[in-house]
Each structure stands twice: as structure tokens, then as C-alpha cells.
Amino acid sequence: MNTVMDKALRTMLDNWEKMKRSEEDEAEEDANQFEASFYALMQEVRNWVDGLEQPPKTLEEAMQLEKIEELVEQLPVEIMLNFETELELIVDGEVREEDERYD
């Protein structure tokens, strides 16, 4: 995995673990940090995909890319659907508006 994407993944995973252990008074802040780090990771994935000589044309093709497979192996199962949804938007060349993101 490239260094920037790897760093974004580590940050997102750290924030995921922090959010899972949150006490009630910290839960909202930790959830917001996780959400921000998830979308930062997805932006790095977008940058990487956009830089490919032959970008994938379908979600299935994208999921078979070695770097995506490496990333997916490390993702918590609870966020796989969100990841796949965002990856499909990337493949389709769409950008999710800020207010359309997951709450």
C-alpha cells in the first residue's frame, strides 16, 4: 500500500478503536473523528485510483486491485458496506456531498 494511504488507514483504524471504547461523554467527538478519518482515507483511495493508468470500471474490478485487497483485509467488517459504497462512487467518478455522508 502506498505510504499516504497506509497512514490514512492507520489513523482511521486508531479512531475506530477509540470510538468503540468511548465513554458516553466522549462518544460524539470520537465518532466525528472516526468519520473524518474514514473520509480522509477514502480521499486517499480516490487520489490513488484517479492516478492509475487504467482505473477500474466497476466495483468488482476495484475490489480485485492488490492495494484495495490489502486495505480491505484490515478493515473492520462493520464498515465494509460503507467502504464499498464509497469505492463505487469513486469508480463511477462521483463525489458525495458533505451533507450526504453517513451520520
PDB file of N, CA and C in Angstrom:
ATOM      1  N   MET A   1       0.856  -1.172   0.000  1.00  0.00           N
ATOM      2  CA  MET A   1       0.000   0.000   0.000  1.00  0.00           C
ATOM      3  C   MET A   1       0.899   1.230   0.000  1.00  0.00           C
ATOM      4  N   ASN A   2       0.448   2.306  -0.630  1.00  0.00           N
ATOM      5  CA  ASN A   2       1.300   3.489  -0.640  1.00  0.00           C
ATOM      6  C   ASN A   2       1.308   4.130   0.744  1.00  0.00           C
ATOM      7  N   THR A   3       2.337   4.887   1.028  1.00  0.00           N
ATOM      8  CA  THR A   3       2.560   5.422   2.370  1.00  0.00           C
ATOM      9  C   THR A   3       1.431   6.328   2.835  1.00  0.00           C
ATOM     10  N   VAL A   4       0.949   7.202   1.988  1.00  0.00           N
ATOM     11  CA  VAL A   4      -0.113   8.132   2.378  1.00  0.00           C
ATOM     12  C   VAL A   4      -1.396   7.365   2.689  1.00  0.00           C
ATOM     13  N   MET A   5      -1.744   6.413   1.832  1.00  0.00           N
ATOM     14  CA  MET A   5      -2.949   5.623   2.060  1.00  0.00           C
ATOM     15  C   MET A   5      -2.789   4.767   3.315  1.00  0.00           C
ATOM     16  N   ASP A   6      -1.612   4.220   3.528  1.00  0.00           N
ATOM     17  CA  ASP A   6      -1.346   3.408   4.710  1.00  0.00           C
ATOM     18  C   ASP A   6      -1.487   4.242   5.982  1.00  0.00           C
ATOM     19  N   LYS A   7      -0.958   5.452   5.963  1.00  0.00           N
ATOM     20  CA  LYS A   7      -1.073   6.336   7.128  1.00  0.00           C
ATOM     21  C   LYS A   7      -2.537   6.684   7.392  1.00  0.00           C
ATOM     22  N   ALA A   8      -3.286   6.982   6.339  1.00  0.00           N
ATOM     23  CA  ALA A   8      -4.711   7.303   6.491  1.00  0.00           C
ATOM     24  C   ALA A   8      -5.475   6.103   7.046  1.00  0.00           C
ATOM     25  N   LEU A   9      -5.116   4.909   6.597  1.00  0.00           N
ATOM     26  CA  LEU A   9      -5.752   3.692   7.112  1.00  0.00           C
ATOM     27  C   LEU A   9      -5.450   3.514   8.591  1.00  0.00           C
ATOM     28  N   ARG A  10      -4.189   3.674   8.975  1.00  0.00           N
ATOM     29  CA  ARG A  10      -3.814   3.521  10.395  1.00  0.00           C
ATOM     30  C   ARG A  10      -4.554   4.527  11.265  1.00  0.00           C
ATOM     31  N   THR A  11      -4.650   5.762  10.802  1.00  0.00           N
ATOM     32  CA  THR A  11      -5.368   6.793  11.553  1.00  0.00           C
ATOM     33  C   THR A  11      -6.836   6.420  11.700  1.00  0.00           C
ATOM     34  N   MET A  12      -7.452   5.975  10.607  1.00  0.00           N
ATOM     35  CA  MET A  12      -8.858   5.591  10.649  1.00  0.00           C
ATOM     36  C   MET A  12      -9.071   4.411  11.592  1.00  0.00           C
ATOM     37  N   LEU A  13      -8.191   3.407  11.539  1.00  0.00           N
ATOM     38  CA  LEU A  13      -8.322   2.246  12.424  1.00  0.00           C
ATOM     39  C   LEU A  13      -8.130   2.642  13.886  1.00  0.00           C
ATOM     40  N   ASP A  14      -7.186   3.532  14.156  1.00  0.00           N
ATOM     41  CA  ASP A  14      -6.995   4.030  15.529  1.00  0.00           C
ATOM     42  C   ASP A  14      -8.251   4.739  16.016  1.00  0.00           C
ATOM     43  N   ASN A  15      -8.833   5.561  15.163  1.00  0.00           N
ATOM     44  CA  ASN A  15     -10.052   6.277  15.537  1.00  0.00           C
ATOM     45  C   ASN A  15     -11.237   5.329  15.697  1.00  0.00           C
ATOM     46  N   TRP A  16     -11.269   4.264  14.913  1.00  0.00           N
ATOM     47  CA  TRP A  16     -12.311   3.247  15.054  1.00  0.00           C
ATOM     48  C   TRP A  16     -12.221   2.601  16.440  1.00  0.00           C
ATOM     49  N   GLU A  17     -11.009   2.202  16.813  1.00  0.00           N
ATOM     50  CA  GLU A  17     -10.819   1.569  18.128  1.00  0.00           C
ATOM     51  C   GLU A  17     -11.157   2.539  19.254  1.00  0.00           C
ATOM     52  N   LYS A  18     -10.753   3.775  19.104  1.00  0.00           N
ATOM     53  CA  LYS A  18     -11.051   4.795  20.113  1.00  0.00           C
ATOM     54  C   LYS A  18     -12.557   4.983  20.239  1.00  0.00           C
ATOM     55  N   MET A  19     -13.250   5.034  19.113  1.00  0.00           N
ATOM     56  CA  MET A  19     -14.699   5.216  19.125  1.00  0.00           C
ATOM     57  C   MET A  19     -15.391   4.032  19.801  1.00  0.00           C
ATOM     58  N   LYS A  20     -14.895   2.833  19.546  1.00  0.00           N
ATOM     59  CA  LYS A  20     -15.503   1.644  20.153  1.00  0.00           C
ATOM     60  C   LYS A  20     -15.374   1.648  21.675  1.00  0.00           C
ATOM     61  N   ARG A  21     -14.324   2.264  22.195  1.00  0.00           N
ATOM     62  CA  ARG A  21     -14.078   2.292  23.641  1.00  0.00           C
ATOM     63  C   ARG A  21     -14.610   3.563  24.300  1.00  0.00           C
ATOM     64  N   SER A  22     -15.258   4.417  23.541  1.00  0.00           N
ATOM     65  CA  SER A  22     -15.683   5.727  24.043  1.00  0.00           C
ATOM     66  C   SER A  22     -16.637   5.619  25.222  1.00  0.00           C
ATOM     67  N   GLU A  23     -16.430   6.519  26.153  1.00  0.00           N
ATOM     68  CA  GLU A  23     -17.402   6.735  27.223  1.00  0.00           C
ATOM     69  C   GLU A  23     -18.471   7.667  26.663  1.00  0.00           C
ATOM     70  N   GLU A  24     -19.600   7.707  27.320  1.00  0.00           N
ATOM     71  CA  GLU A  24     -20.735   8.480  26.807  1.00  0.00           C
ATOM     72  C   GLU A  24     -20.387   9.938  26.529  1.00  0.00           C
ATOM     73  N   ASP A  25     -19.633  10.562  27.423  1.00  0.00           N
ATOM     74  CA  ASP A  25     -19.321  11.985  27.241  1.00  0.00           C
ATOM     75  C   ASP A  25     -18.325  12.246  26.109  1.00  0.00           C
ATOM     76  N   GLU A  26     -17.636  11.219  25.633  1.00  0.00           N
ATOM     77  CA  GLU A  26     -16.664  11.372  24.543  1.00  0.00           C
ATOM     78  C   GLU A  26     -17.168  10.794  23.227  1.00  0.00           C
ATOM     79  N   ALA A  27     -18.296  10.120  23.265  1.00  0.00           N
ATOM     80  CA  ALA A  27     -18.754   9.337  22.115  1.00  0.00           C
ATOM     81  C   ALA A  27     -18.945  10.179  20.853  1.00  0.00           C
ATOM     82  N   GLU A  28     -19.576  11.333  20.982  1.00  0.00           N
ATOM     83  CA  GLU A  28     -19.840  12.141  19.794  1.00  0.00           C
ATOM     84  C   GLU A  28     -18.544  12.641  19.164  1.00  0.00           C
ATOM     85  N   GLU A  29     -17.647  13.135  19.983  1.00  0.00           N
ATOM     86  CA  GLU A  29     -16.368  13.632  19.463  1.00  0.00           C
ATOM     87  C   GLU A  29     -15.574  12.508  18.800  1.00  0.00           C
ATOM     88  N   ASP A  30     -15.543  11.342  19.449  1.00  0.00           N
ATOM     89  CA  ASP A  30     -14.808  10.214  18.880  1.00  0.00           C
ATOM     90  C   ASP A  30     -15.444   9.733  17.577  1.00  0.00           C
ATOM     91  N   ALA A  31     -16.771   9.738  17.520  1.00  0.00           N
ATOM     92  CA  ALA A  31     -17.464   9.345  16.287  1.00  0.00           C
ATOM     93  C   ALA A  31     -17.158  10.333  15.164  1.00  0.00           C
ATOM     94  N   ASN A  32     -17.123  11.613  15.496  1.00  0.00           N
ATOM     95  CA  ASN A  32     -16.793  12.627  14.491  1.00  0.00           C
ATOM     96  C   ASN A  32     -15.363  12.466  13.988  1.00  0.00           C
ATOM     97  N   GLN A  33     -14.436  12.155  14.898  1.00  0.00           N
ATOM     98  CA  GLN A  33     -13.042  11.928  14.490  1.00  0.00           C
ATOM     99  C   GLN A  33     -12.946  10.714  13.578  1.00  0.00           C
ATOM    100  N   PHE A  34     -13.668   9.653  13.937  1.00  0.00           N
ATOM    101  CA  PHE A  34     -13.653   8.463  13.090  1.00  0.00           C
ATOM    102  C   PHE A  34     -14.203   8.792  11.704  1.00  0.00           C
ATOM    103  N   GLU A  35     -15.352   9.468  11.667  1.00  0.00           N
ATOM    104  CA  GLU A  35     -15.968   9.799  10.386  1.00  0.00           C
ATOM    105  C   GLU A  35     -15.012  10.625   9.517  1.00  0.00           C
ATOM    106  N   ALA A  36     -14.391  11.613  10.113  1.00  0.00           N
ATOM    107  CA  ALA A  36     -13.450  12.454   9.362  1.00  0.00           C
ATOM    108  C   ALA A  36     -12.284  11.624   8.836  1.00  0.00           C
ATOM    109  N   SER A  37     -11.778  10.707   9.655  1.00  0.00           N
ATOM    110  CA  SER A  37     -10.643   9.892   9.216  1.00  0.00           C
ATOM    111  C   SER A  37     -11.062   8.873   8.155  1.00  0.00           C
ATOM    112  N   PHE A  38     -12.301   8.385   8.227  1.00  0.00           N
ATOM    113  CA  PHE A  38     -12.803   7.474   7.193  1.00  0.00           C
ATOM    114  C   PHE A  38     -12.827   8.191   5.844  1.00  0.00           C
ATOM    115  N   TYR A  39     -13.367   9.411   5.827  1.00  0.00           N
ATOM    116  CA  TYR A  39     -13.441  10.150   4.566  1.00  0.00           C
ATOM    117  C   TYR A  39     -12.062  10.625   4.098  1.00  0.00           C
ATOM    118  N   ALA A  40     -11.143  10.853   5.020  1.00  0.00           N
ATOM    119  CA  ALA A  40      -9.763  11.174   4.623  1.00  0.00           C
ATOM    120  C   ALA A  40      -9.137   9.963   3.935  1.00  0.00           C
ATOM    121  N   LEU A  41      -9.386   8.775   4.483  1.00  0.00           N
ATOM    122  CA  LEU A  41      -8.900   7.548   3.844  1.00  0.00           C
ATOM    123  C   LEU A  41      -9.512   7.406   2.456  1.00  0.00           C
ATOM    124  N   MET A  42     -10.813   7.619   2.349  1.00  0.00           N
ATOM    125  CA  MET A  42     -11.467   7.473   1.050  1.00  0.00           C
ATOM    126  C   MET A  42     -10.937   8.492   0.045  1.00  0.00           C
ATOM    127  N   GLN A  43     -10.553   9.679   0.499  1.00  0.00           N
ATOM    128  CA  GLN A  43      -9.955  10.664  -0.405  1.00  0.00           C
ATOM    129  C   GLN A  43      -8.608  10.168  -0.915  1.00  0.00           C
ATOM    130  N   GLU A  44      -7.836   9.522  -0.049  1.00  0.00           N
ATOM    131  CA  GLU A  44      -6.552   8.960  -0.486  1.00  0.00           C
ATOM    132  C   GLU A  44      -6.770   7.809  -1.463  1.00  0.00           C
ATOM    133  N   VAL A  45      -7.802   7.006  -1.224  1.00  0.00           N
ATOM    134  CA  VAL A  45      -8.139   5.935  -2.171  1.00  0.00           C
ATOM    135  C   VAL A  45      -8.517   6.560  -3.512  1.00  0.00           C
ATOM    136  N   ARG A  46      -9.324   7.614  -3.477  1.00  0.00           N
ATOM    137  CA  ARG A  46      -9.724   8.313  -4.712  1.00  0.00           C
ATOM    138  C   ARG A  46      -8.486   8.835  -5.450  1.00  0.00           C
ATOM    139  N   ASN A  47      -7.585   9.474  -4.725  1.00  0.00           N
ATOM    140  CA  ASN A  47      -6.368  10.004  -5.348  1.00  0.00           C
ATOM    141  C   ASN A  47      -5.575   8.891  -6.013  1.00  0.00           C
ATOM    142  N   TRP A  48      -5.465   7.760  -5.337  1.00  0.00           N
ATOM    143  CA  TRP A  48      -4.711   6.632  -5.876  1.00  0.00           C
ATOM    144  C   TRP A  48      -5.398   6.072  -7.120  1.00  0.00           C
ATOM    145  N   VAL A  49      -6.713   5.835  -7.030  1.00  0.00           N
ATOM    146  CA  VAL A  49      -7.458   5.287  -8.167  1.00  0.00           C
ATOM    147  C   VAL A  49      -7.385   6.243  -9.354  1.00  0.00           C
ATOM    148  N   ASP A  50      -7.555   7.534  -9.095  1.00  0.00           N
ATOM    149  CA  ASP A  50      -7.500   8.522 -10.176  1.00  0.00           C
ATOM    150  C   ASP A  50      -6.134   8.552 -10.852  1.00  0.00           C
ATOM    151  N   GLY A  51      -5.092   8.160 -10.144  1.00  0.00           N
ATOM    152  CA  GLY A  51      -3.751   8.168 -10.703  1.00  0.00           C
ATOM    153  C   GLY A  51      -3.370   6.902 -11.451  1.00  0.00           C
ATOM    154  N   LEU A  52      -4.236   5.914 -11.439  1.00  0.00           N
ATOM    155  CA  LEU A  52      -3.929   4.666 -12.135  1.00  0.00           C
ATOM    156  C   LEU A  52      -3.971   4.867 -13.646  1.00  0.00           C
ATOM    157  N   GLU A  53      -3.059   4.187 -14.331  1.00  0.00           N
ATOM    158  CA  GLU A  53      -3.032   4.265 -15.790  1.00  0.00           C
ATOM    159  C   GLU A  53      -4.325   3.711 -16.382  1.00  0.00           C
ATOM    160  N   GLN A  54      -4.803   2.608 -15.812  1.00  0.00           N
ATOM    161  CA  GLN A  54      -6.072   2.017 -16.241  1.00  0.00           C
ATOM    162  C   GLN A  54      -6.962   1.854 -15.009  1.00  0.00           C
ATOM    163  N   PRO A  55      -7.730   2.888 -14.676  1.00  0.00           N
ATOM    164  CA  PRO A  55      -8.582   2.793 -13.491  1.00  0.00           C
ATOM    165  C   PRO A  55      -9.680   1.742 -13.679  1.00  0.00           C
ATOM    166  N   PRO A  56     -10.135   1.158 -12.590  1.00  0.00           N
ATOM    167  CA  PRO A  56     -11.194   0.149 -12.695  1.00  0.00           C
ATOM    168  C   PRO A  56     -12.486   0.775 -13.209  1.00  0.00           C
ATOM    169  N   LYS A  57     -13.251  -0.038 -13.919  1.00  0.00           N
ATOM    170  CA  LYS A  57     -14.521   0.438 -14.476  1.00  0.00           C
ATOM    171  C   LYS A  57     -15.714   0.003 -13.633  1.00  0.00           C
ATOM    172  N   THR A  58     -15.502  -0.972 -12.752  1.00  0.00           N
ATOM    173  CA  THR A  58     -16.585  -1.472 -11.902  1.00  0.00           C
ATOM    174  C   THR A  58     -16.078  -1.636 -10.478  1.00  0.00           C
ATOM    175  N   LEU A  59     -17.016  -1.738  -9.551  1.00  0.00           N
ATOM    176  CA  LEU A  59     -16.654  -2.000  -8.161  1.00  0.00           C
ATOM    177  C   LEU A  59     -15.907  -3.321  -8.052  1.00  0.00           C
ATOM    178  N   GLU A  60     -16.351  -4.326  -8.784  1.00  0.00           N
ATOM    179  CA  GLU A  60     -15.713  -5.639  -8.733  1.00  0.00           C
ATOM    180  C   GLU A  60     -14.249  -5.552  -9.165  1.00  0.00           C
ATOM    181  N   GLU A  61     -13.988  -4.812 -10.232  1.00  0.00           N
ATOM    182  CA  GLU A  61     -12.601  -4.626 -10.685  1.00  0.00           C
ATOM    183  C   GLU A  61     -11.789  -3.909  -9.618  1.00  0.00           C
ATOM    184  N   ALA A  62     -12.373  -2.890  -9.009  1.00  0.00           N
ATOM    185  CA  ALA A  62     -11.665  -2.133  -7.973  1.00  0.00           C
ATOM    186  C   ALA A  62     -11.342  -3.021  -6.777  1.00  0.00           C
ATOM    187  N   MET A  63     -12.287  -3.856  -6.383  1.00  0.00           N
ATOM    188  CA  MET A  63     -12.085  -4.721  -5.217  1.00  0.00           C
ATOM    189  C   MET A  63     -11.000  -5.765  -5.467  1.00  0.00           C
ATOM    190  N   GLN A  64     -10.677  -6.033  -6.726  1.00  0.00           N
ATOM    191  CA  GLN A  64      -9.655  -7.017  -7.062  1.00  0.00           C
ATOM    192  C   GLN A  64      -8.255  -6.415  -7.179  1.00  0.00           C
ATOM    193  N   LEU A  65      -8.151  -5.102  -7.111  1.00  0.00           N
ATOM    194  CA  LEU A  65      -6.833  -4.467  -7.155  1.00  0.00           C
ATOM    195  C   LEU A  65      -6.061  -4.834  -5.892  1.00  0.00           C
ATOM    196  N   GLU A  66      -4.787  -5.141  -6.055  1.00  0.00           N
ATOM    197  CA  GLU A  66      -3.978  -5.619  -4.933  1.00  0.00           C
ATOM    198  C   GLU A  66      -3.996  -4.657  -3.744  1.00  0.00           C
ATOM    199  N   LYS A  67      -3.823  -3.374  -4.000  1.00  0.00           N
ATOM    200  CA  LYS A  67      -3.791  -2.412  -2.896  1.00  0.00           C
ATOM    201  C   LYS A  67      -5.137  -2.320  -2.188  1.00  0.00           C
ATOM    202  N   ILE A  68      -6.214  -2.435  -2.938  1.00  0.00           N
ATOM    203  CA  ILE A  68      -7.544  -2.411  -2.325  1.00  0.00           C
ATOM    204  C   ILE A  68      -7.747  -3.690  -1.511  1.00  0.00           C
ATOM    205  N   GLU A  69      -7.314  -4.819  -2.039  1.00  0.00           N
ATOM    206  CA  GLU A  69      -7.417  -6.073  -1.284  1.00  0.00           C
ATOM    207  C   GLU A  69      -6.650  -5.979   0.032  1.00  0.00           C
ATOM    208  N   GLU A  70      -5.446  -5.401  -0.008  1.00  0.00           N
ATOM    209  CA  GLU A  70      -4.646  -5.233   1.210  1.00  0.00           C
ATOM    210  C   GLU A  70      -5.371  -4.347   2.219  1.00  0.00           C
ATOM    211  N   LEU A  71      -5.979  -3.289   1.733  1.00  0.00           N
ATOM    212  CA  LEU A  71      -6.708  -2.368   2.596  1.00  0.00           C
ATOM    213  C   LEU A  71      -7.927  -3.064   3.205  1.00  0.00           C
ATOM    214  N   VAL A  72      -8.694  -3.756   2.370  1.00  0.00           N
ATOM    215  CA  VAL A  72      -9.917  -4.427   2.815  1.00  0.00           C
ATOM    216  C   VAL A  72      -9.619  -5.470   3.888  1.00  0.00           C
ATOM    217  N   GLU A  73      -8.496  -6.156   3.764  1.00  0.00           N
ATOM    218  CA  GLU A  73      -8.119  -7.163   4.763  1.00  0.00           C
ATOM    219  C   GLU A  73      -8.010  -6.570   6.163  1.00  0.00           C
ATOM    220  N   GLN A  74      -7.731  -5.288   6.252  1.00  0.00           N
ATOM    221  CA  GLN A  74      -7.525  -4.641   7.547  1.00  0.00           C
ATOM    222  C   GLN A  74      -8.758  -3.905   8.067  1.00  0.00           C
ATOM    223  N   LEU A  75      -9.777  -3.758   7.225  1.00  0.00           N
ATOM    224  CA  LEU A  75     -10.963  -3.002   7.624  1.00  0.00           C
ATOM    225  C   LEU A  75     -11.859  -3.812   8.555  1.00  0.00           C
ATOM    226  N   PRO A  76     -12.437  -3.158   9.552  1.00  0.00           N
ATOM    227  CA  PRO A  76     -13.445  -3.829  10.376  1.00  0.00           C
ATOM    228  C   PRO A  76     -14.657  -4.180   9.504  1.00  0.00           C
ATOM    229  N   VAL A  77     -15.206  -5.345   9.721  1.00  0.00           N
ATOM    230  CA  VAL A  77     -16.346  -5.797   8.919  1.00  0.00           C
ATOM    231  C   VAL A  77     -17.518  -4.826   9.019  1.00  0.00           C
ATOM    232  N   GLU A  78     -17.632  -4.138  10.130  1.00  0.00           N
ATOM    233  CA  GLU A  78     -18.752  -3.218  10.341  1.00  0.00           C
ATOM    234  C   GLU A  78     -18.764  -2.044   9.367  1.00  0.00           C
ATOM    235  N   ILE A  79     -17.635  -1.731   8.773  1.00  0.00           N
ATOM    236  CA  ILE A  79     -17.613  -0.587   7.848  1.00  0.00           C
ATOM    237  C   ILE A  79     -17.399  -0.998   6.389  1.00  0.00           C
ATOM    238  N   MET A  80     -17.454  -2.289   6.117  1.00  0.00           N
ATOM    239  CA  MET A  80     -17.241  -2.752   4.742  1.00  0.00           C
ATOM    240  C   MET A  80     -18.286  -2.209   3.772  1.00  0.00           C
ATOM    241  N   LEU A  81     -19.539  -2.178   4.179  1.00  0.00           N
ATOM    242  CA  LEU A  81     -20.577  -1.675   3.282  1.00  0.00           C
ATOM    243  C   LEU A  81     -20.331  -0.205   2.952  1.00  0.00           C
ATOM    244  N   ASN A  82     -19.979   0.579   3.964  1.00  0.00           N
ATOM    245  CA  ASN A  82     -19.665   1.995   3.724  1.00  0.00           C
ATOM    246  C   ASN A  82     -18.473   2.120   2.780  1.00  0.00           C
ATOM    247  N   PHE A  83     -17.441   1.307   3.005  1.00  0.00           N
ATOM    248  CA  PHE A  83     -16.257   1.342   2.151  1.00  0.00           C
ATOM    249  C   PHE A  83     -16.624   1.007   0.707  1.00  0.00           C
ATOM    250  N   GLU A  84     -17.382  -0.066   0.528  1.00  0.00           N
ATOM    251  CA  GLU A  84     -17.760  -0.469  -0.827  1.00  0.00           C
ATOM    252  C   GLU A  84     -18.622   0.595  -1.505  1.00  0.00           C
ATOM    253  N   THR A  85     -19.516   1.214  -0.751  1.00  0.00           N
ATOM    254  CA  THR A  85     -20.358   2.275  -1.309  1.00  0.00           C
ATOM    255  C   THR A  85     -19.503   3.445  -1.781  1.00  0.00           C
ATOM    256  N   GLU A  86     -18.558   3.855  -0.947  1.00  0.00           N
ATOM    257  CA  GLU A  86     -17.683   4.974  -1.311  1.00  0.00           C
ATOM    258  C   GLU A  86     -16.768   4.604  -2.475  1.00  0.00           C
ATOM    259  N   LEU A  87     -16.265   3.372  -2.489  1.00  0.00           N
ATOM    260  CA  LEU A  87     -15.402   2.925  -3.582  1.00  0.00           C
ATOM    261  C   LEU A  87     -16.178   2.907  -4.897  1.00  0.00           C
ATOM    262  N   GLU A  88     -17.423   2.500  -4.846  1.00  0.00           N
ATOM    263  CA  GLU A  88     -18.241   2.503  -6.059  1.00  0.00           C
ATOM    264  C   GLU A  88     -18.436   3.925  -6.582  1.00  0.00           C
ATOM    265  N   LEU A  89     -18.640   4.881  -5.679  1.00  0.00           N
ATOM    266  CA  LEU A  89     -18.743   6.279  -6.104  1.00  0.00           C
ATOM    267  C   LEU A  89     -17.446   6.737  -6.770  1.00  0.00           C
ATOM    268  N   ILE A  90     -16.319   6.325  -6.217  1.00  0.00           N
ATOM    269  CA  ILE A  90     -15.015   6.680  -6.787  1.00  0.00           C
ATOM    270  C   ILE A  90     -14.895   6.119  -8.200  1.00  0.00           C
ATOM    271  N   VAL A  91     -15.224   4.836  -8.350  1.00  0.00           N
ATOM    272  CA  VAL A  91     -15.139   4.185  -9.659  1.00  0.00           C
ATOM    273  C   VAL A  91     -16.058   4.875 -10.662  1.00  0.00           C
ATOM    274  N   ASP A  92     -17.235   5.294 -10.194  1.00  0.00           N
ATOM    275  CA  ASP A  92     -18.201   5.958 -11.073  1.00  0.00           C
ATOM    276  C   ASP A  92     -17.878   7.431 -11.309  1.00  0.00           C
ATOM    277  N   GLY A  93     -16.827   7.933 -10.654  1.00  0.00           N
ATOM    278  CA  GLY A  93     -16.432   9.325 -10.832  1.00  0.00           C
ATOM    279  C   GLY A  93     -17.327  10.314 -10.120  1.00  0.00           C
ATOM    280  N   GLU A  94     -18.062   9.845  -9.121  1.00  0.00           N
ATOM    281  CA  GLU A  94     -18.967  10.713  -8.370  1.00  0.00           C
ATOM    282  C   GLU A  94     -18.324  11.130  -7.057  1.00  0.00           C
ATOM    283  N   VAL A  95     -18.765  12.271  -6.542  1.00  0.00           N
ATOM    284  CA  VAL A  95     -18.277  12.775  -5.260  1.00  0.00           C
ATOM    285  C   VAL A  95     -19.484  12.970  -4.356  1.00  0.00           C
ATOM    286  N   ARG A  96     -19.423  12.396  -3.173  1.00  0.00           N
ATOM    287  CA  ARG A  96     -20.516  12.537  -2.210  1.00  0.00           C
ATOM    288  C   ARG A  96     -20.459  13.930  -1.600  1.00  0.00           C
ATOM    289  N   GLU A  97     -21.601  14.590  -1.579  1.00  0.00           N
ATOM    290  CA  GLU A  97     -21.688  15.904  -0.948  1.00  0.00           C
ATOM    291  C   GLU A  97     -21.574  15.746   0.559  1.00  0.00           C
ATOM    292  N   GLU A  98     -21.035  16.743   1.213  1.00  0.00           N
ATOM    293  CA  GLU A  98     -20.805  16.700   2.661  1.00  0.00           C
ATOM    294  C   GLU A  98     -22.055  16.298   3.432  1.00  0.00           C
ATOM    295  N   ASP A  99     -23.209  16.865   3.093  1.00  0.00           N
ATOM    296  CA  ASP A  99     -24.432  16.567   3.846  1.00  0.00           C
ATOM    297  C   ASP A  99     -25.037  15.212   3.499  1.00  0.00           C
ATOM    298  N   GLU A 100     -24.503  14.519   2.507  1.00  0.00           N
ATOM    299  CA  GLU A 100     -24.978  13.191   2.140  1.00  0.00           C
ATOM    300  C   GLU A 100     -24.165  12.094   2.807  1.00  0.00           C
ATOM    301  N   ARG A 101     -23.180  12.461   3.566  1.00  0.00           N
ATOM    302  CA  ARG A 101     -22.336  11.465   4.222  1.00  0.00           C
ATOM    303  C   ARG A 101     -23.092  10.817   5.360  1.00  0.00           C
ATOM    304  N   TYR A 102     -22.545   9.704   5.810  1.00  0.00           N
ATOM    305  CA  TYR A 102     -23.203   8.924   6.857  1.00  0.00           C
ATOM    306  C   TYR A 102     -23.214   9.674   8.172  1.00  0.00           C
ATOM    307  N   ASP A 103     -24.334   9.611   8.871  1.00  0.00           N
ATOM    308  CA  ASP A 103     -24.437  10.213  10.205  1.00  0.00           C
ATOM    309  C   ASP A 103     -24.519   9.126  11.240  1.00  0.00           C
TER     310      ASP A 103
END
